[in-house]
């Protein structure tokens, strides 16, 4: 069995209970060494084989999986955050499917959740934004034209932008073209939940300058939206005048 495991957003104790158990049981661990906290490897047993996929191709990763599966070993493929976001797991699953090798996926705490925790922010405030757009700037990996930043920015929703810290001048221009105002609240969260976490608050218009001032060029998320003002309408869920399935309104 191959287990794709989300390592969480950074802090080693934010991995799920299931993920930690599988790391302890694994005979082989292939981890994304450029992004995953190496302290997570402390969960492993002494006999476990460890491979750092930062130095490997897809074919090399698959060869390790295939060999270990043939030997009846448990393989953990440890990905940063949650594997479903920018995890490049589909291409691995396609190869496993082609060889009828069984696998499962264990979710993890994504860095966009870790960033919200670092900001002490709620991404979905009533009457402010009820939508979170998770996206990235086009770089060496293209983005479909229909998902271009300016088009998404036109919604005015909360945006969490991955893999774009080194492209902030261009990102700012696209956000402004899409309709955000220069004074729209924005934040840079560097290595959310890691010991070296850094939170920088500013506006869309100051993002690039703030990143330069703080020496941040990678491994950070950009959050944009009025939710960072932390002012919204009260939710209906706990409103005493609101009836729902579990509680009658107070008259």
C-alpha atoms as a PDB file:
ATOM      1  CA  UNK A   1       0.000   0.000   0.000  1.00  0.00           C
ATOM      2  CA  UNK A   2       1.141   3.508  -0.832  1.00  0.00           C
ATOM      3  CA  UNK A   3      -0.084   6.229   1.538  1.00  0.00           C
ATOM      4  CA  UNK A   4      -0.011   9.837   0.370  1.00  0.00           C
ATOM      5  CA  UNK A   5       0.139  11.815   3.616  1.00  0.00           C
ATOM      6  CA  UNK A   6      -0.330  15.537   4.123  1.00  0.00           C
ATOM      7  CA  UNK A   7       2.484  16.721   6.382  1.00  0.00           C
ATOM      8  CA  UNK A   8       0.563  19.792   7.525  1.00  0.00           C
ATOM      9  CA  UNK A   9       1.502  23.429   7.264  1.00  0.00           C
ATOM     10  CA  UNK A  10       4.877  23.237   8.963  1.00  0.00           C
ATOM     11  CA  UNK A  11       4.779  22.625  12.705  1.00  0.00           C
ATOM     12  CA  UNK A  12       5.503  18.946  13.325  1.00  0.00           C
ATOM     13  CA  UNK A  13       2.613  18.575  15.768  1.00  0.00           C
ATOM     14  CA  UNK A  14       0.067  19.728  13.166  1.00  0.00           C
ATOM     15  CA  UNK A  15       0.198  16.459  11.267  1.00  0.00           C
ATOM     16  CA  UNK A  16      -2.971  14.403  11.702  1.00  0.00           C
ATOM     17  CA  UNK A  17      -3.090  11.507  14.155  1.00  0.00           C
ATOM     18  CA  UNK A  18      -3.496   9.126  11.213  1.00  0.00           C
ATOM     19  CA  UNK A  19      -0.566  10.681   9.386  1.00  0.00           C
ATOM     20  CA  UNK A  20       1.690  10.374  12.434  1.00  0.00           C
ATOM     21  CA  UNK A  21       0.676   6.730  12.909  1.00  0.00           C
ATOM     22  CA  UNK A  22       1.485   5.902   9.295  1.00  0.00           C
ATOM     23  CA  UNK A  23       4.875   7.617   9.560  1.00  0.00           C
ATOM     24  CA  UNK A  24       5.633   5.456  12.600  1.00  0.00           C
ATOM     25  CA  UNK A  25       4.582   2.297  10.740  1.00  0.00           C
ATOM     26  CA  UNK A  26       6.184   3.065   7.375  1.00  0.00           C
ATOM     27  CA  UNK A  27       8.912   0.879   5.922  1.00  0.00           C
ATOM     28  CA  UNK A  28       9.722   3.538   3.324  1.00  0.00           C
ATOM     29  CA  UNK A  29       9.179   7.314   3.485  1.00  0.00           C
ATOM     30  CA  UNK A  30       9.544   9.550   0.437  1.00  0.00           C
ATOM     31  CA  UNK A  31       9.263  13.143   1.588  1.00  0.00           C
ATOM     32  CA  UNK A  32       9.309  16.500  -0.158  1.00  0.00           C
ATOM     33  CA  UNK A  33      12.503  17.684   1.487  1.00  0.00           C
ATOM     34  CA  UNK A  34      12.405  21.221   0.121  1.00  0.00           C
ATOM     35  CA  UNK A  35       9.122  21.955   1.941  1.00  0.00           C
ATOM     36  CA  UNK A  36       8.367  19.360   4.619  1.00  0.00           C
ATOM     37  CA  UNK A  37       9.612  19.961   8.153  1.00  0.00           C
ATOM     38  CA  UNK A  38      12.393  17.353   8.686  1.00  0.00           C
ATOM     39  CA  UNK A  39      11.347  17.005  12.327  1.00  0.00           C
ATOM     40  CA  UNK A  40       8.441  14.899  11.059  1.00  0.00           C
ATOM     41  CA  UNK A  41      10.968  12.172  10.290  1.00  0.00           C
ATOM     42  CA  UNK A  42      11.400  11.724  14.041  1.00  0.00           C
ATOM     43  CA  UNK A  43       8.140   9.746  13.955  1.00  0.00           C
ATOM     44  CA  UNK A  44       9.745   7.009  11.839  1.00  0.00           C
ATOM     45  CA  UNK A  45      11.066   3.685  13.067  1.00  0.00           C
ATOM     46  CA  UNK A  46      14.814   3.022  12.980  1.00  0.00           C
ATOM     47  CA  UNK A  47      14.631   0.549  10.093  1.00  0.00           C
ATOM     48  CA  UNK A  48      12.670   2.856   7.801  1.00  0.00           C
ATOM     49  CA  UNK A  49      14.248   3.823   4.464  1.00  0.00           C
ATOM     50  CA  UNK A  50      14.029   7.551   3.754  1.00  0.00           C
ATOM     51  CA  UNK A  51      14.184   9.282   0.358  1.00  0.00           C
ATOM     52  CA  UNK A  52      14.199  13.026  -0.289  1.00  0.00           C
ATOM     53  CA  UNK A  53      12.131  13.650  -3.427  1.00  0.00           C
ATOM     54  CA  UNK A  54      13.631  17.142  -3.864  1.00  0.00           C
ATOM     55  CA  UNK A  55      16.508  15.356  -5.612  1.00  0.00           C
ATOM     56  CA  UNK A  56      14.362  12.854  -7.550  1.00  0.00           C
ATOM     57  CA  UNK A  57      12.359  12.736 -10.754  1.00  0.00           C
ATOM     58  CA  UNK A  58       8.816  11.372 -10.962  1.00  0.00           C
ATOM     59  CA  UNK A  59      10.185   8.190 -12.507  1.00  0.00           C
ATOM     60  CA  UNK A  60      12.665   7.735  -9.664  1.00  0.00           C
ATOM     61  CA  UNK A  61       9.957   8.270  -7.050  1.00  0.00           C
ATOM     62  CA  UNK A  62       7.704   5.756  -8.770  1.00  0.00           C
ATOM     63  CA  UNK A  63      10.520   3.209  -9.015  1.00  0.00           C
ATOM     64  CA  UNK A  64      10.969   3.343  -5.233  1.00  0.00           C
ATOM     65  CA  UNK A  65       7.211   2.931  -4.724  1.00  0.00           C
ATOM     66  CA  UNK A  66       6.973   0.049  -7.171  1.00  0.00           C
ATOM     67  CA  UNK A  67       9.928  -1.840  -5.687  1.00  0.00           C
ATOM     68  CA  UNK A  68       8.725  -1.376  -2.092  1.00  0.00           C
ATOM     69  CA  UNK A  69       5.201  -2.467  -3.011  1.00  0.00           C
ATOM     70  CA  UNK A  70       6.593  -5.600  -4.642  1.00  0.00           C
ATOM     71  CA  UNK A  71       8.380  -6.365  -1.384  1.00  0.00           C
ATOM     72  CA  UNK A  72       5.185  -5.930   0.638  1.00  0.00           C
ATOM     73  CA  UNK A  73       6.367  -2.747   2.323  1.00  0.00           C
ATOM     74  CA  UNK A  74       4.289   0.192   3.521  1.00  0.00           C
ATOM     75  CA  UNK A  75       5.278   3.391   1.702  1.00  0.00           C
ATOM     76  CA  UNK A  76       4.440   6.882   2.949  1.00  0.00           C
ATOM     77  CA  UNK A  77       4.702   9.631   0.341  1.00  0.00           C
ATOM     78  CA  UNK A  78       4.895  12.704   2.562  1.00  0.00           C
ATOM     79  CA  UNK A  79       3.730  15.921   0.919  1.00  0.00           C
ATOM     80  CA  UNK A  80       3.639  19.429   2.344  1.00  0.00           C
ATOM     81  CA  UNK A  81       0.334  20.862   3.595  1.00  0.00           C
ATOM     82  CA  UNK A  82      -2.582  18.982   2.083  1.00  0.00           C
ATOM     83  CA  UNK A  83      -1.672  16.876  -0.965  1.00  0.00           C
ATOM     84  CA  UNK A  84      -4.668  18.110  -2.961  1.00  0.00           C
ATOM     85  CA  UNK A  85      -3.240  21.644  -3.301  1.00  0.00           C
ATOM     86  CA  UNK A  86      -0.212  22.027  -5.574  1.00  0.00           C
ATOM     87  CA  UNK A  87       0.934  18.578  -4.450  1.00  0.00           C
ATOM     88  CA  UNK A  88       1.654  17.049  -7.876  1.00  0.00           C
ATOM     89  CA  UNK A  89       0.066  13.804  -6.708  1.00  0.00           C
ATOM     90  CA  UNK A  90      -2.186  13.143  -9.707  1.00  0.00           C
ATOM     91  CA  UNK A  91       0.746  12.171 -11.926  1.00  0.00           C
ATOM     92  CA  UNK A  92       1.907   9.735  -9.238  1.00  0.00           C
ATOM     93  CA  UNK A  93      -1.571   8.257  -8.835  1.00  0.00           C
ATOM     94  CA  UNK A  94      -1.829   7.821 -12.622  1.00  0.00           C
ATOM     95  CA  UNK A  95       1.311   5.657 -12.604  1.00  0.00           C
ATOM     96  CA  UNK A  96       0.050   3.657  -9.630  1.00  0.00           C
ATOM     97  CA  UNK A  97      -3.320   3.131 -11.334  1.00  0.00           C
ATOM     98  CA  UNK A  98      -1.596   1.899 -14.480  1.00  0.00           C
ATOM     99  CA  UNK A  99       0.219  -0.774 -12.454  1.00  0.00           C
ATOM    100  CA  UNK A 100      -2.786  -1.600 -10.221  1.00  0.00           C
ATOM    101  CA  UNK A 101      -0.842  -0.597  -7.116  1.00  0.00           C
ATOM    102  CA  UNK A 102      -3.231   0.340  -4.278  1.00  0.00           C
ATOM    103  CA  UNK A 103      -2.920   3.692  -2.549  1.00  0.00           C
ATOM    104  CA  UNK A 104      -4.794   5.994  -0.225  1.00  0.00           C
ATOM    105  CA  UNK A 105      -4.648   9.712   0.592  1.00  0.00           C
ATOM    106  CA  UNK A 106      -4.511  11.164   4.103  1.00  0.00           C
ATOM    107  CA  UNK A 107      -5.429  14.874   4.204  1.00  0.00           C
ATOM    108  CA  UNK A 108      -3.337  17.441   6.009  1.00  0.00           C
ATOM    109  CA  UNK A 109      -3.615  20.980   7.349  1.00  0.00           C
ATOM    110  CA  UNK A 110      -2.955  23.223   4.361  1.00  0.00           C
ATOM    111  CA  UNK A 111      -0.700  26.240   4.694  1.00  0.00           C
ATOM    112  CA  UNK A 112      -3.641  28.473   3.764  1.00  0.00           C
ATOM    113  CA  UNK A 113      -5.275  27.319   7.008  1.00  0.00           C
ATOM    114  CA  UNK A 114      -2.015  27.857   8.855  1.00  0.00           C
ATOM    115  CA  UNK A 115      -1.812  31.377   7.441  1.00  0.00           C
ATOM    116  CA  UNK A 116      -5.316  32.192   8.685  1.00  0.00           C
ATOM    117  CA  UNK A 117      -4.307  30.960  12.131  1.00  0.00           C
ATOM    118  CA  UNK A 118      -1.176  33.092  12.044  1.00  0.00           C
ATOM    119  CA  UNK A 119      -3.257  36.112  11.058  1.00  0.00           C
ATOM    120  CA  UNK A 120      -5.985  35.259  13.592  1.00  0.00           C
ATOM    121  CA  UNK A 121      -8.346  35.871  10.687  1.00  0.00           C
ATOM    122  CA  UNK A 122     -11.563  34.337   9.384  1.00  0.00           C
ATOM    123  CA  UNK A 123     -11.611  34.164   5.602  1.00  0.00           C
ATOM    124  CA  UNK A 124     -15.414  34.115   5.350  1.00  0.00           C
ATOM    125  CA  UNK A 125     -17.013  37.024   7.188  1.00  0.00           C
ATOM    126  CA  UNK A 126     -20.764  37.705   6.715  1.00  0.00           C
ATOM    127  CA  UNK A 127     -21.458  40.636   4.385  1.00  0.00           C
ATOM    128  CA  UNK A 128     -17.726  40.916   3.581  1.00  0.00           C
ATOM    129  CA  UNK A 129     -16.717  37.739   1.765  1.00  0.00           C
ATOM    130  CA  UNK A 130     -18.202  34.263   1.642  1.00  0.00           C
ATOM    131  CA  UNK A 131     -15.764  32.970  -0.960  1.00  0.00           C
ATOM    132  CA  UNK A 132     -12.092  32.032  -0.778  1.00  0.00           C
ATOM    133  CA  UNK A 133     -10.155  31.902  -4.046  1.00  0.00           C
ATOM    134  CA  UNK A 134      -6.970  29.817  -3.873  1.00  0.00           C
ATOM    135  CA  UNK A 135      -4.716  30.441  -6.843  1.00  0.00           C
ATOM    136  CA  UNK A 136      -1.214  31.312  -8.047  1.00  0.00           C
ATOM    137  CA  UNK A 137       0.522  33.556 -10.544  1.00  0.00           C
ATOM    138  CA  UNK A 138       1.680  32.043 -13.813  1.00  0.00           C
ATOM    139  CA  UNK A 139       5.400  31.328 -13.742  1.00  0.00           C
ATOM    140  CA  UNK A 140       7.315  28.478 -15.320  1.00  0.00           C
ATOM    141  CA  UNK A 141       4.135  26.495 -14.760  1.00  0.00           C
ATOM    142  CA  UNK A 142       1.341  28.215 -16.698  1.00  0.00           C
ATOM    143  CA  UNK A 143      -2.137  29.026 -15.406  1.00  0.00           C
ATOM    144  CA  UNK A 144      -5.244  28.597 -17.605  1.00  0.00           C
ATOM    145  CA  UNK A 145      -6.160  31.937 -19.185  1.00  0.00           C
ATOM    146  CA  UNK A 146      -9.648  31.840 -17.666  1.00  0.00           C
ATOM    147  CA  UNK A 147      -8.000  31.759 -14.215  1.00  0.00           C
ATOM    148  CA  UNK A 148      -5.758  34.771 -14.768  1.00  0.00           C
ATOM    149  CA  UNK A 149      -5.305  36.781 -11.547  1.00  0.00           C
ATOM    150  CA  UNK A 150      -7.099  39.918 -12.759  1.00  0.00           C
ATOM    151  CA  UNK A 151     -10.171  37.878 -13.734  1.00  0.00           C
ATOM    152  CA  UNK A 152     -10.328  36.268 -10.302  1.00  0.00           C
ATOM    153  CA  UNK A 153      -9.677  39.557  -8.530  1.00  0.00           C
ATOM    154  CA  UNK A 154     -12.798  41.014 -10.154  1.00  0.00           C
ATOM    155  CA  UNK A 155     -14.892  39.018  -7.652  1.00  0.00           C
ATOM    156  CA  UNK A 156     -13.554  41.028  -4.715  1.00  0.00           C
ATOM    157  CA  UNK A 157     -13.496  37.841  -2.633  1.00  0.00           C
ATOM    158  CA  UNK A 158     -10.818  36.732  -0.202  1.00  0.00           C
ATOM    159  CA  UNK A 159      -7.796  35.540  -2.161  1.00  0.00           C
ATOM    160  CA  UNK A 160      -5.017  33.254  -0.971  1.00  0.00           C
ATOM    161  CA  UNK A 161      -2.186  33.240  -3.468  1.00  0.00           C
ATOM    162  CA  UNK A 162       0.405  30.472  -3.468  1.00  0.00           C
ATOM    163  CA  UNK A 163       3.794  30.264  -5.168  1.00  0.00           C
ATOM    164  CA  UNK A 164       3.900  33.936  -6.118  1.00  0.00           C
ATOM    165  CA  UNK A 165       6.084  35.742  -3.579  1.00  0.00           C
ATOM    166  CA  UNK A 166       8.862  36.208  -6.097  1.00  0.00           C
ATOM    167  CA  UNK A 167       6.422  37.791  -8.562  1.00  0.00           C
ATOM    168  CA  UNK A 168       4.894  40.491  -6.387  1.00  0.00           C
ATOM    169  CA  UNK A 169       5.328  43.446  -8.731  1.00  0.00           C
ATOM    170  CA  UNK A 170       3.404  41.603 -11.438  1.00  0.00           C
ATOM    171  CA  UNK A 171       0.912  40.218  -8.943  1.00  0.00           C
ATOM    172  CA  UNK A 172       0.147  43.684  -7.589  1.00  0.00           C
ATOM    173  CA  UNK A 173      -0.482  45.006 -11.087  1.00  0.00           C
ATOM    174  CA  UNK A 174      -2.873  42.135 -11.842  1.00  0.00           C
ATOM    175  CA  UNK A 175      -4.753  42.562  -8.552  1.00  0.00           C
ATOM    176  CA  UNK A 176      -5.207  46.287  -9.174  1.00  0.00           C
ATOM    177  CA  UNK A 177      -6.302  45.684 -12.754  1.00  0.00           C
ATOM    178  CA  UNK A 178      -8.867  43.191 -11.496  1.00  0.00           C
ATOM    179  CA  UNK A 179     -10.518  45.708  -9.192  1.00  0.00           C
ATOM    180  CA  UNK A 180      -8.839  45.663  -5.786  1.00  0.00           C
ATOM    181  CA  UNK A 181      -7.987  49.134  -4.534  1.00  0.00           C
ATOM    182  CA  UNK A 182      -4.361  49.956  -3.616  1.00  0.00           C
ATOM    183  CA  UNK A 183      -5.494  50.317   0.016  1.00  0.00           C
ATOM    184  CA  UNK A 184      -7.218  46.907   0.113  1.00  0.00           C
ATOM    185  CA  UNK A 185      -5.822  45.017   3.141  1.00  0.00           C
ATOM    186  CA  UNK A 186      -3.232  42.376   2.308  1.00  0.00           C
ATOM    187  CA  UNK A 187      -0.748  40.227   4.165  1.00  0.00           C
ATOM    188  CA  UNK A 188       2.344  38.144   3.562  1.00  0.00           C
ATOM    189  CA  UNK A 189       2.669  35.076   5.762  1.00  0.00           C
ATOM    190  CA  UNK A 190       6.112  33.488   5.597  1.00  0.00           C
ATOM    191  CA  UNK A 191       6.387  29.802   6.592  1.00  0.00           C
ATOM    192  CA  UNK A 192       3.057  29.653   8.422  1.00  0.00           C
ATOM    193  CA  UNK A 193       3.222  27.622  11.677  1.00  0.00           C
ATOM    194  CA  UNK A 194       6.988  27.038  11.408  1.00  0.00           C
ATOM    195  CA  UNK A 195       9.183  28.362  14.269  1.00  0.00           C
ATOM    196  CA  UNK A 196      10.467  31.072  11.881  1.00  0.00           C
ATOM    197  CA  UNK A 197       6.959  32.181  10.900  1.00  0.00           C
ATOM    198  CA  UNK A 198       6.670  35.864   9.985  1.00  0.00           C
ATOM    199  CA  UNK A 199       3.457  37.843   9.405  1.00  0.00           C
ATOM    200  CA  UNK A 200       3.643  41.132   7.512  1.00  0.00           C
ATOM    201  CA  UNK A 201       0.505  43.257   7.232  1.00  0.00           C
ATOM    202  CA  UNK A 202      -0.022  45.902   4.601  1.00  0.00           C
ATOM    203  CA  UNK A 203      -2.075  46.681   1.533  1.00  0.00           C
ATOM    204  CA  UNK A 204      -2.219  45.509  -2.061  1.00  0.00           C
ATOM    205  CA  UNK A 205      -0.267  48.584  -3.083  1.00  0.00           C
ATOM    206  CA  UNK A 206       2.582  47.905  -0.624  1.00  0.00           C
ATOM    207  CA  UNK A 207       3.022  44.130  -1.029  1.00  0.00           C
ATOM    208  CA  UNK A 208       6.181  44.189  -3.148  1.00  0.00           C
ATOM    209  CA  UNK A 209       7.844  46.825  -0.959  1.00  0.00           C
ATOM    210  CA  UNK A 210       7.005  44.939   2.237  1.00  0.00           C
ATOM    211  CA  UNK A 211       8.414  41.697   0.875  1.00  0.00           C
ATOM    212  CA  UNK A 212      11.681  43.413  -0.048  1.00  0.00           C
ATOM    213  CA  UNK A 213      11.932  45.158   3.326  1.00  0.00           C
ATOM    214  CA  UNK A 214      11.457  41.850   5.144  1.00  0.00           C
ATOM    215  CA  UNK A 215      13.659  39.749   2.870  1.00  0.00           C
ATOM    216  CA  UNK A 216      10.812  37.454   1.842  1.00  0.00           C
ATOM    217  CA  UNK A 217      11.114  35.976  -1.637  1.00  0.00           C
ATOM    218  CA  UNK A 218       9.671  32.456  -1.321  1.00  0.00           C
ATOM    219  CA  UNK A 219       7.830  30.018   0.978  1.00  0.00           C
ATOM    220  CA  UNK A 220       5.111  32.549   1.748  1.00  0.00           C
ATOM    221  CA  UNK A 221       1.426  33.063   1.046  1.00  0.00           C
ATOM    222  CA  UNK A 222      -0.222  36.290  -0.027  1.00  0.00           C
ATOM    223  CA  UNK A 223      -3.665  36.960   1.464  1.00  0.00           C
ATOM    224  CA  UNK A 224      -5.834  39.738   0.051  1.00  0.00           C
ATOM    225  CA  UNK A 225      -9.261  40.952   1.086  1.00  0.00           C
ATOM    226  CA  UNK A 226     -11.412  43.110   3.307  1.00  0.00           C
ATOM    227  CA  UNK A 227     -11.694  40.236   5.823  1.00  0.00           C
ATOM    228  CA  UNK A 228      -8.297  41.350   7.101  1.00  0.00           C
ATOM    229  CA  UNK A 229     -10.038  44.431   8.502  1.00  0.00           C
ATOM    230  CA  UNK A 230     -11.734  41.948  10.890  1.00  0.00           C
ATOM    231  CA  UNK A 231     -15.036  43.787  10.696  1.00  0.00           C
ATOM    232  CA  UNK A 232     -18.154  41.999   9.488  1.00  0.00           C
ATOM    233  CA  UNK A 233     -21.776  41.451  10.302  1.00  0.00           C
ATOM    234  CA  UNK A 234     -22.679  39.099  13.133  1.00  0.00           C
ATOM    235  CA  UNK A 235     -23.359  35.544  11.919  1.00  0.00           C
ATOM    236  CA  UNK A 236     -26.913  34.190  12.042  1.00  0.00           C
ATOM    237  CA  UNK A 237     -25.783  30.912  13.597  1.00  0.00           C
ATOM    238  CA  UNK A 238     -25.485  32.292  17.131  1.00  0.00           C
ATOM    239  CA  UNK A 239     -27.971  35.139  16.794  1.00  0.00           C
ATOM    240  CA  UNK A 240     -30.640  34.715  19.540  1.00  0.00           C
ATOM    241  CA  UNK A 241     -33.310  35.933  17.086  1.00  0.00           C
ATOM    242  CA  UNK A 242     -32.465  33.212  14.528  1.00  0.00           C
ATOM    243  CA  UNK A 243     -34.188  29.803  14.568  1.00  0.00           C
ATOM    244  CA  UNK A 244     -32.425  26.744  13.190  1.00  0.00           C
ATOM    245  CA  UNK A 245     -32.555  22.962  13.499  1.00  0.00           C
ATOM    246  CA  UNK A 246     -31.029  22.846  16.977  1.00  0.00           C
ATOM    247  CA  UNK A 247     -32.403  25.972  18.651  1.00  0.00           C
ATOM    248  CA  UNK A 248     -35.519  28.096  18.703  1.00  0.00           C
ATOM    249  CA  UNK A 249     -35.216  31.851  18.467  1.00  0.00           C
ATOM    250  CA  UNK A 250     -35.510  33.806  21.673  1.00  0.00           C
ATOM    251  CA  UNK A 251     -38.645  35.950  21.460  1.00  0.00           C
END
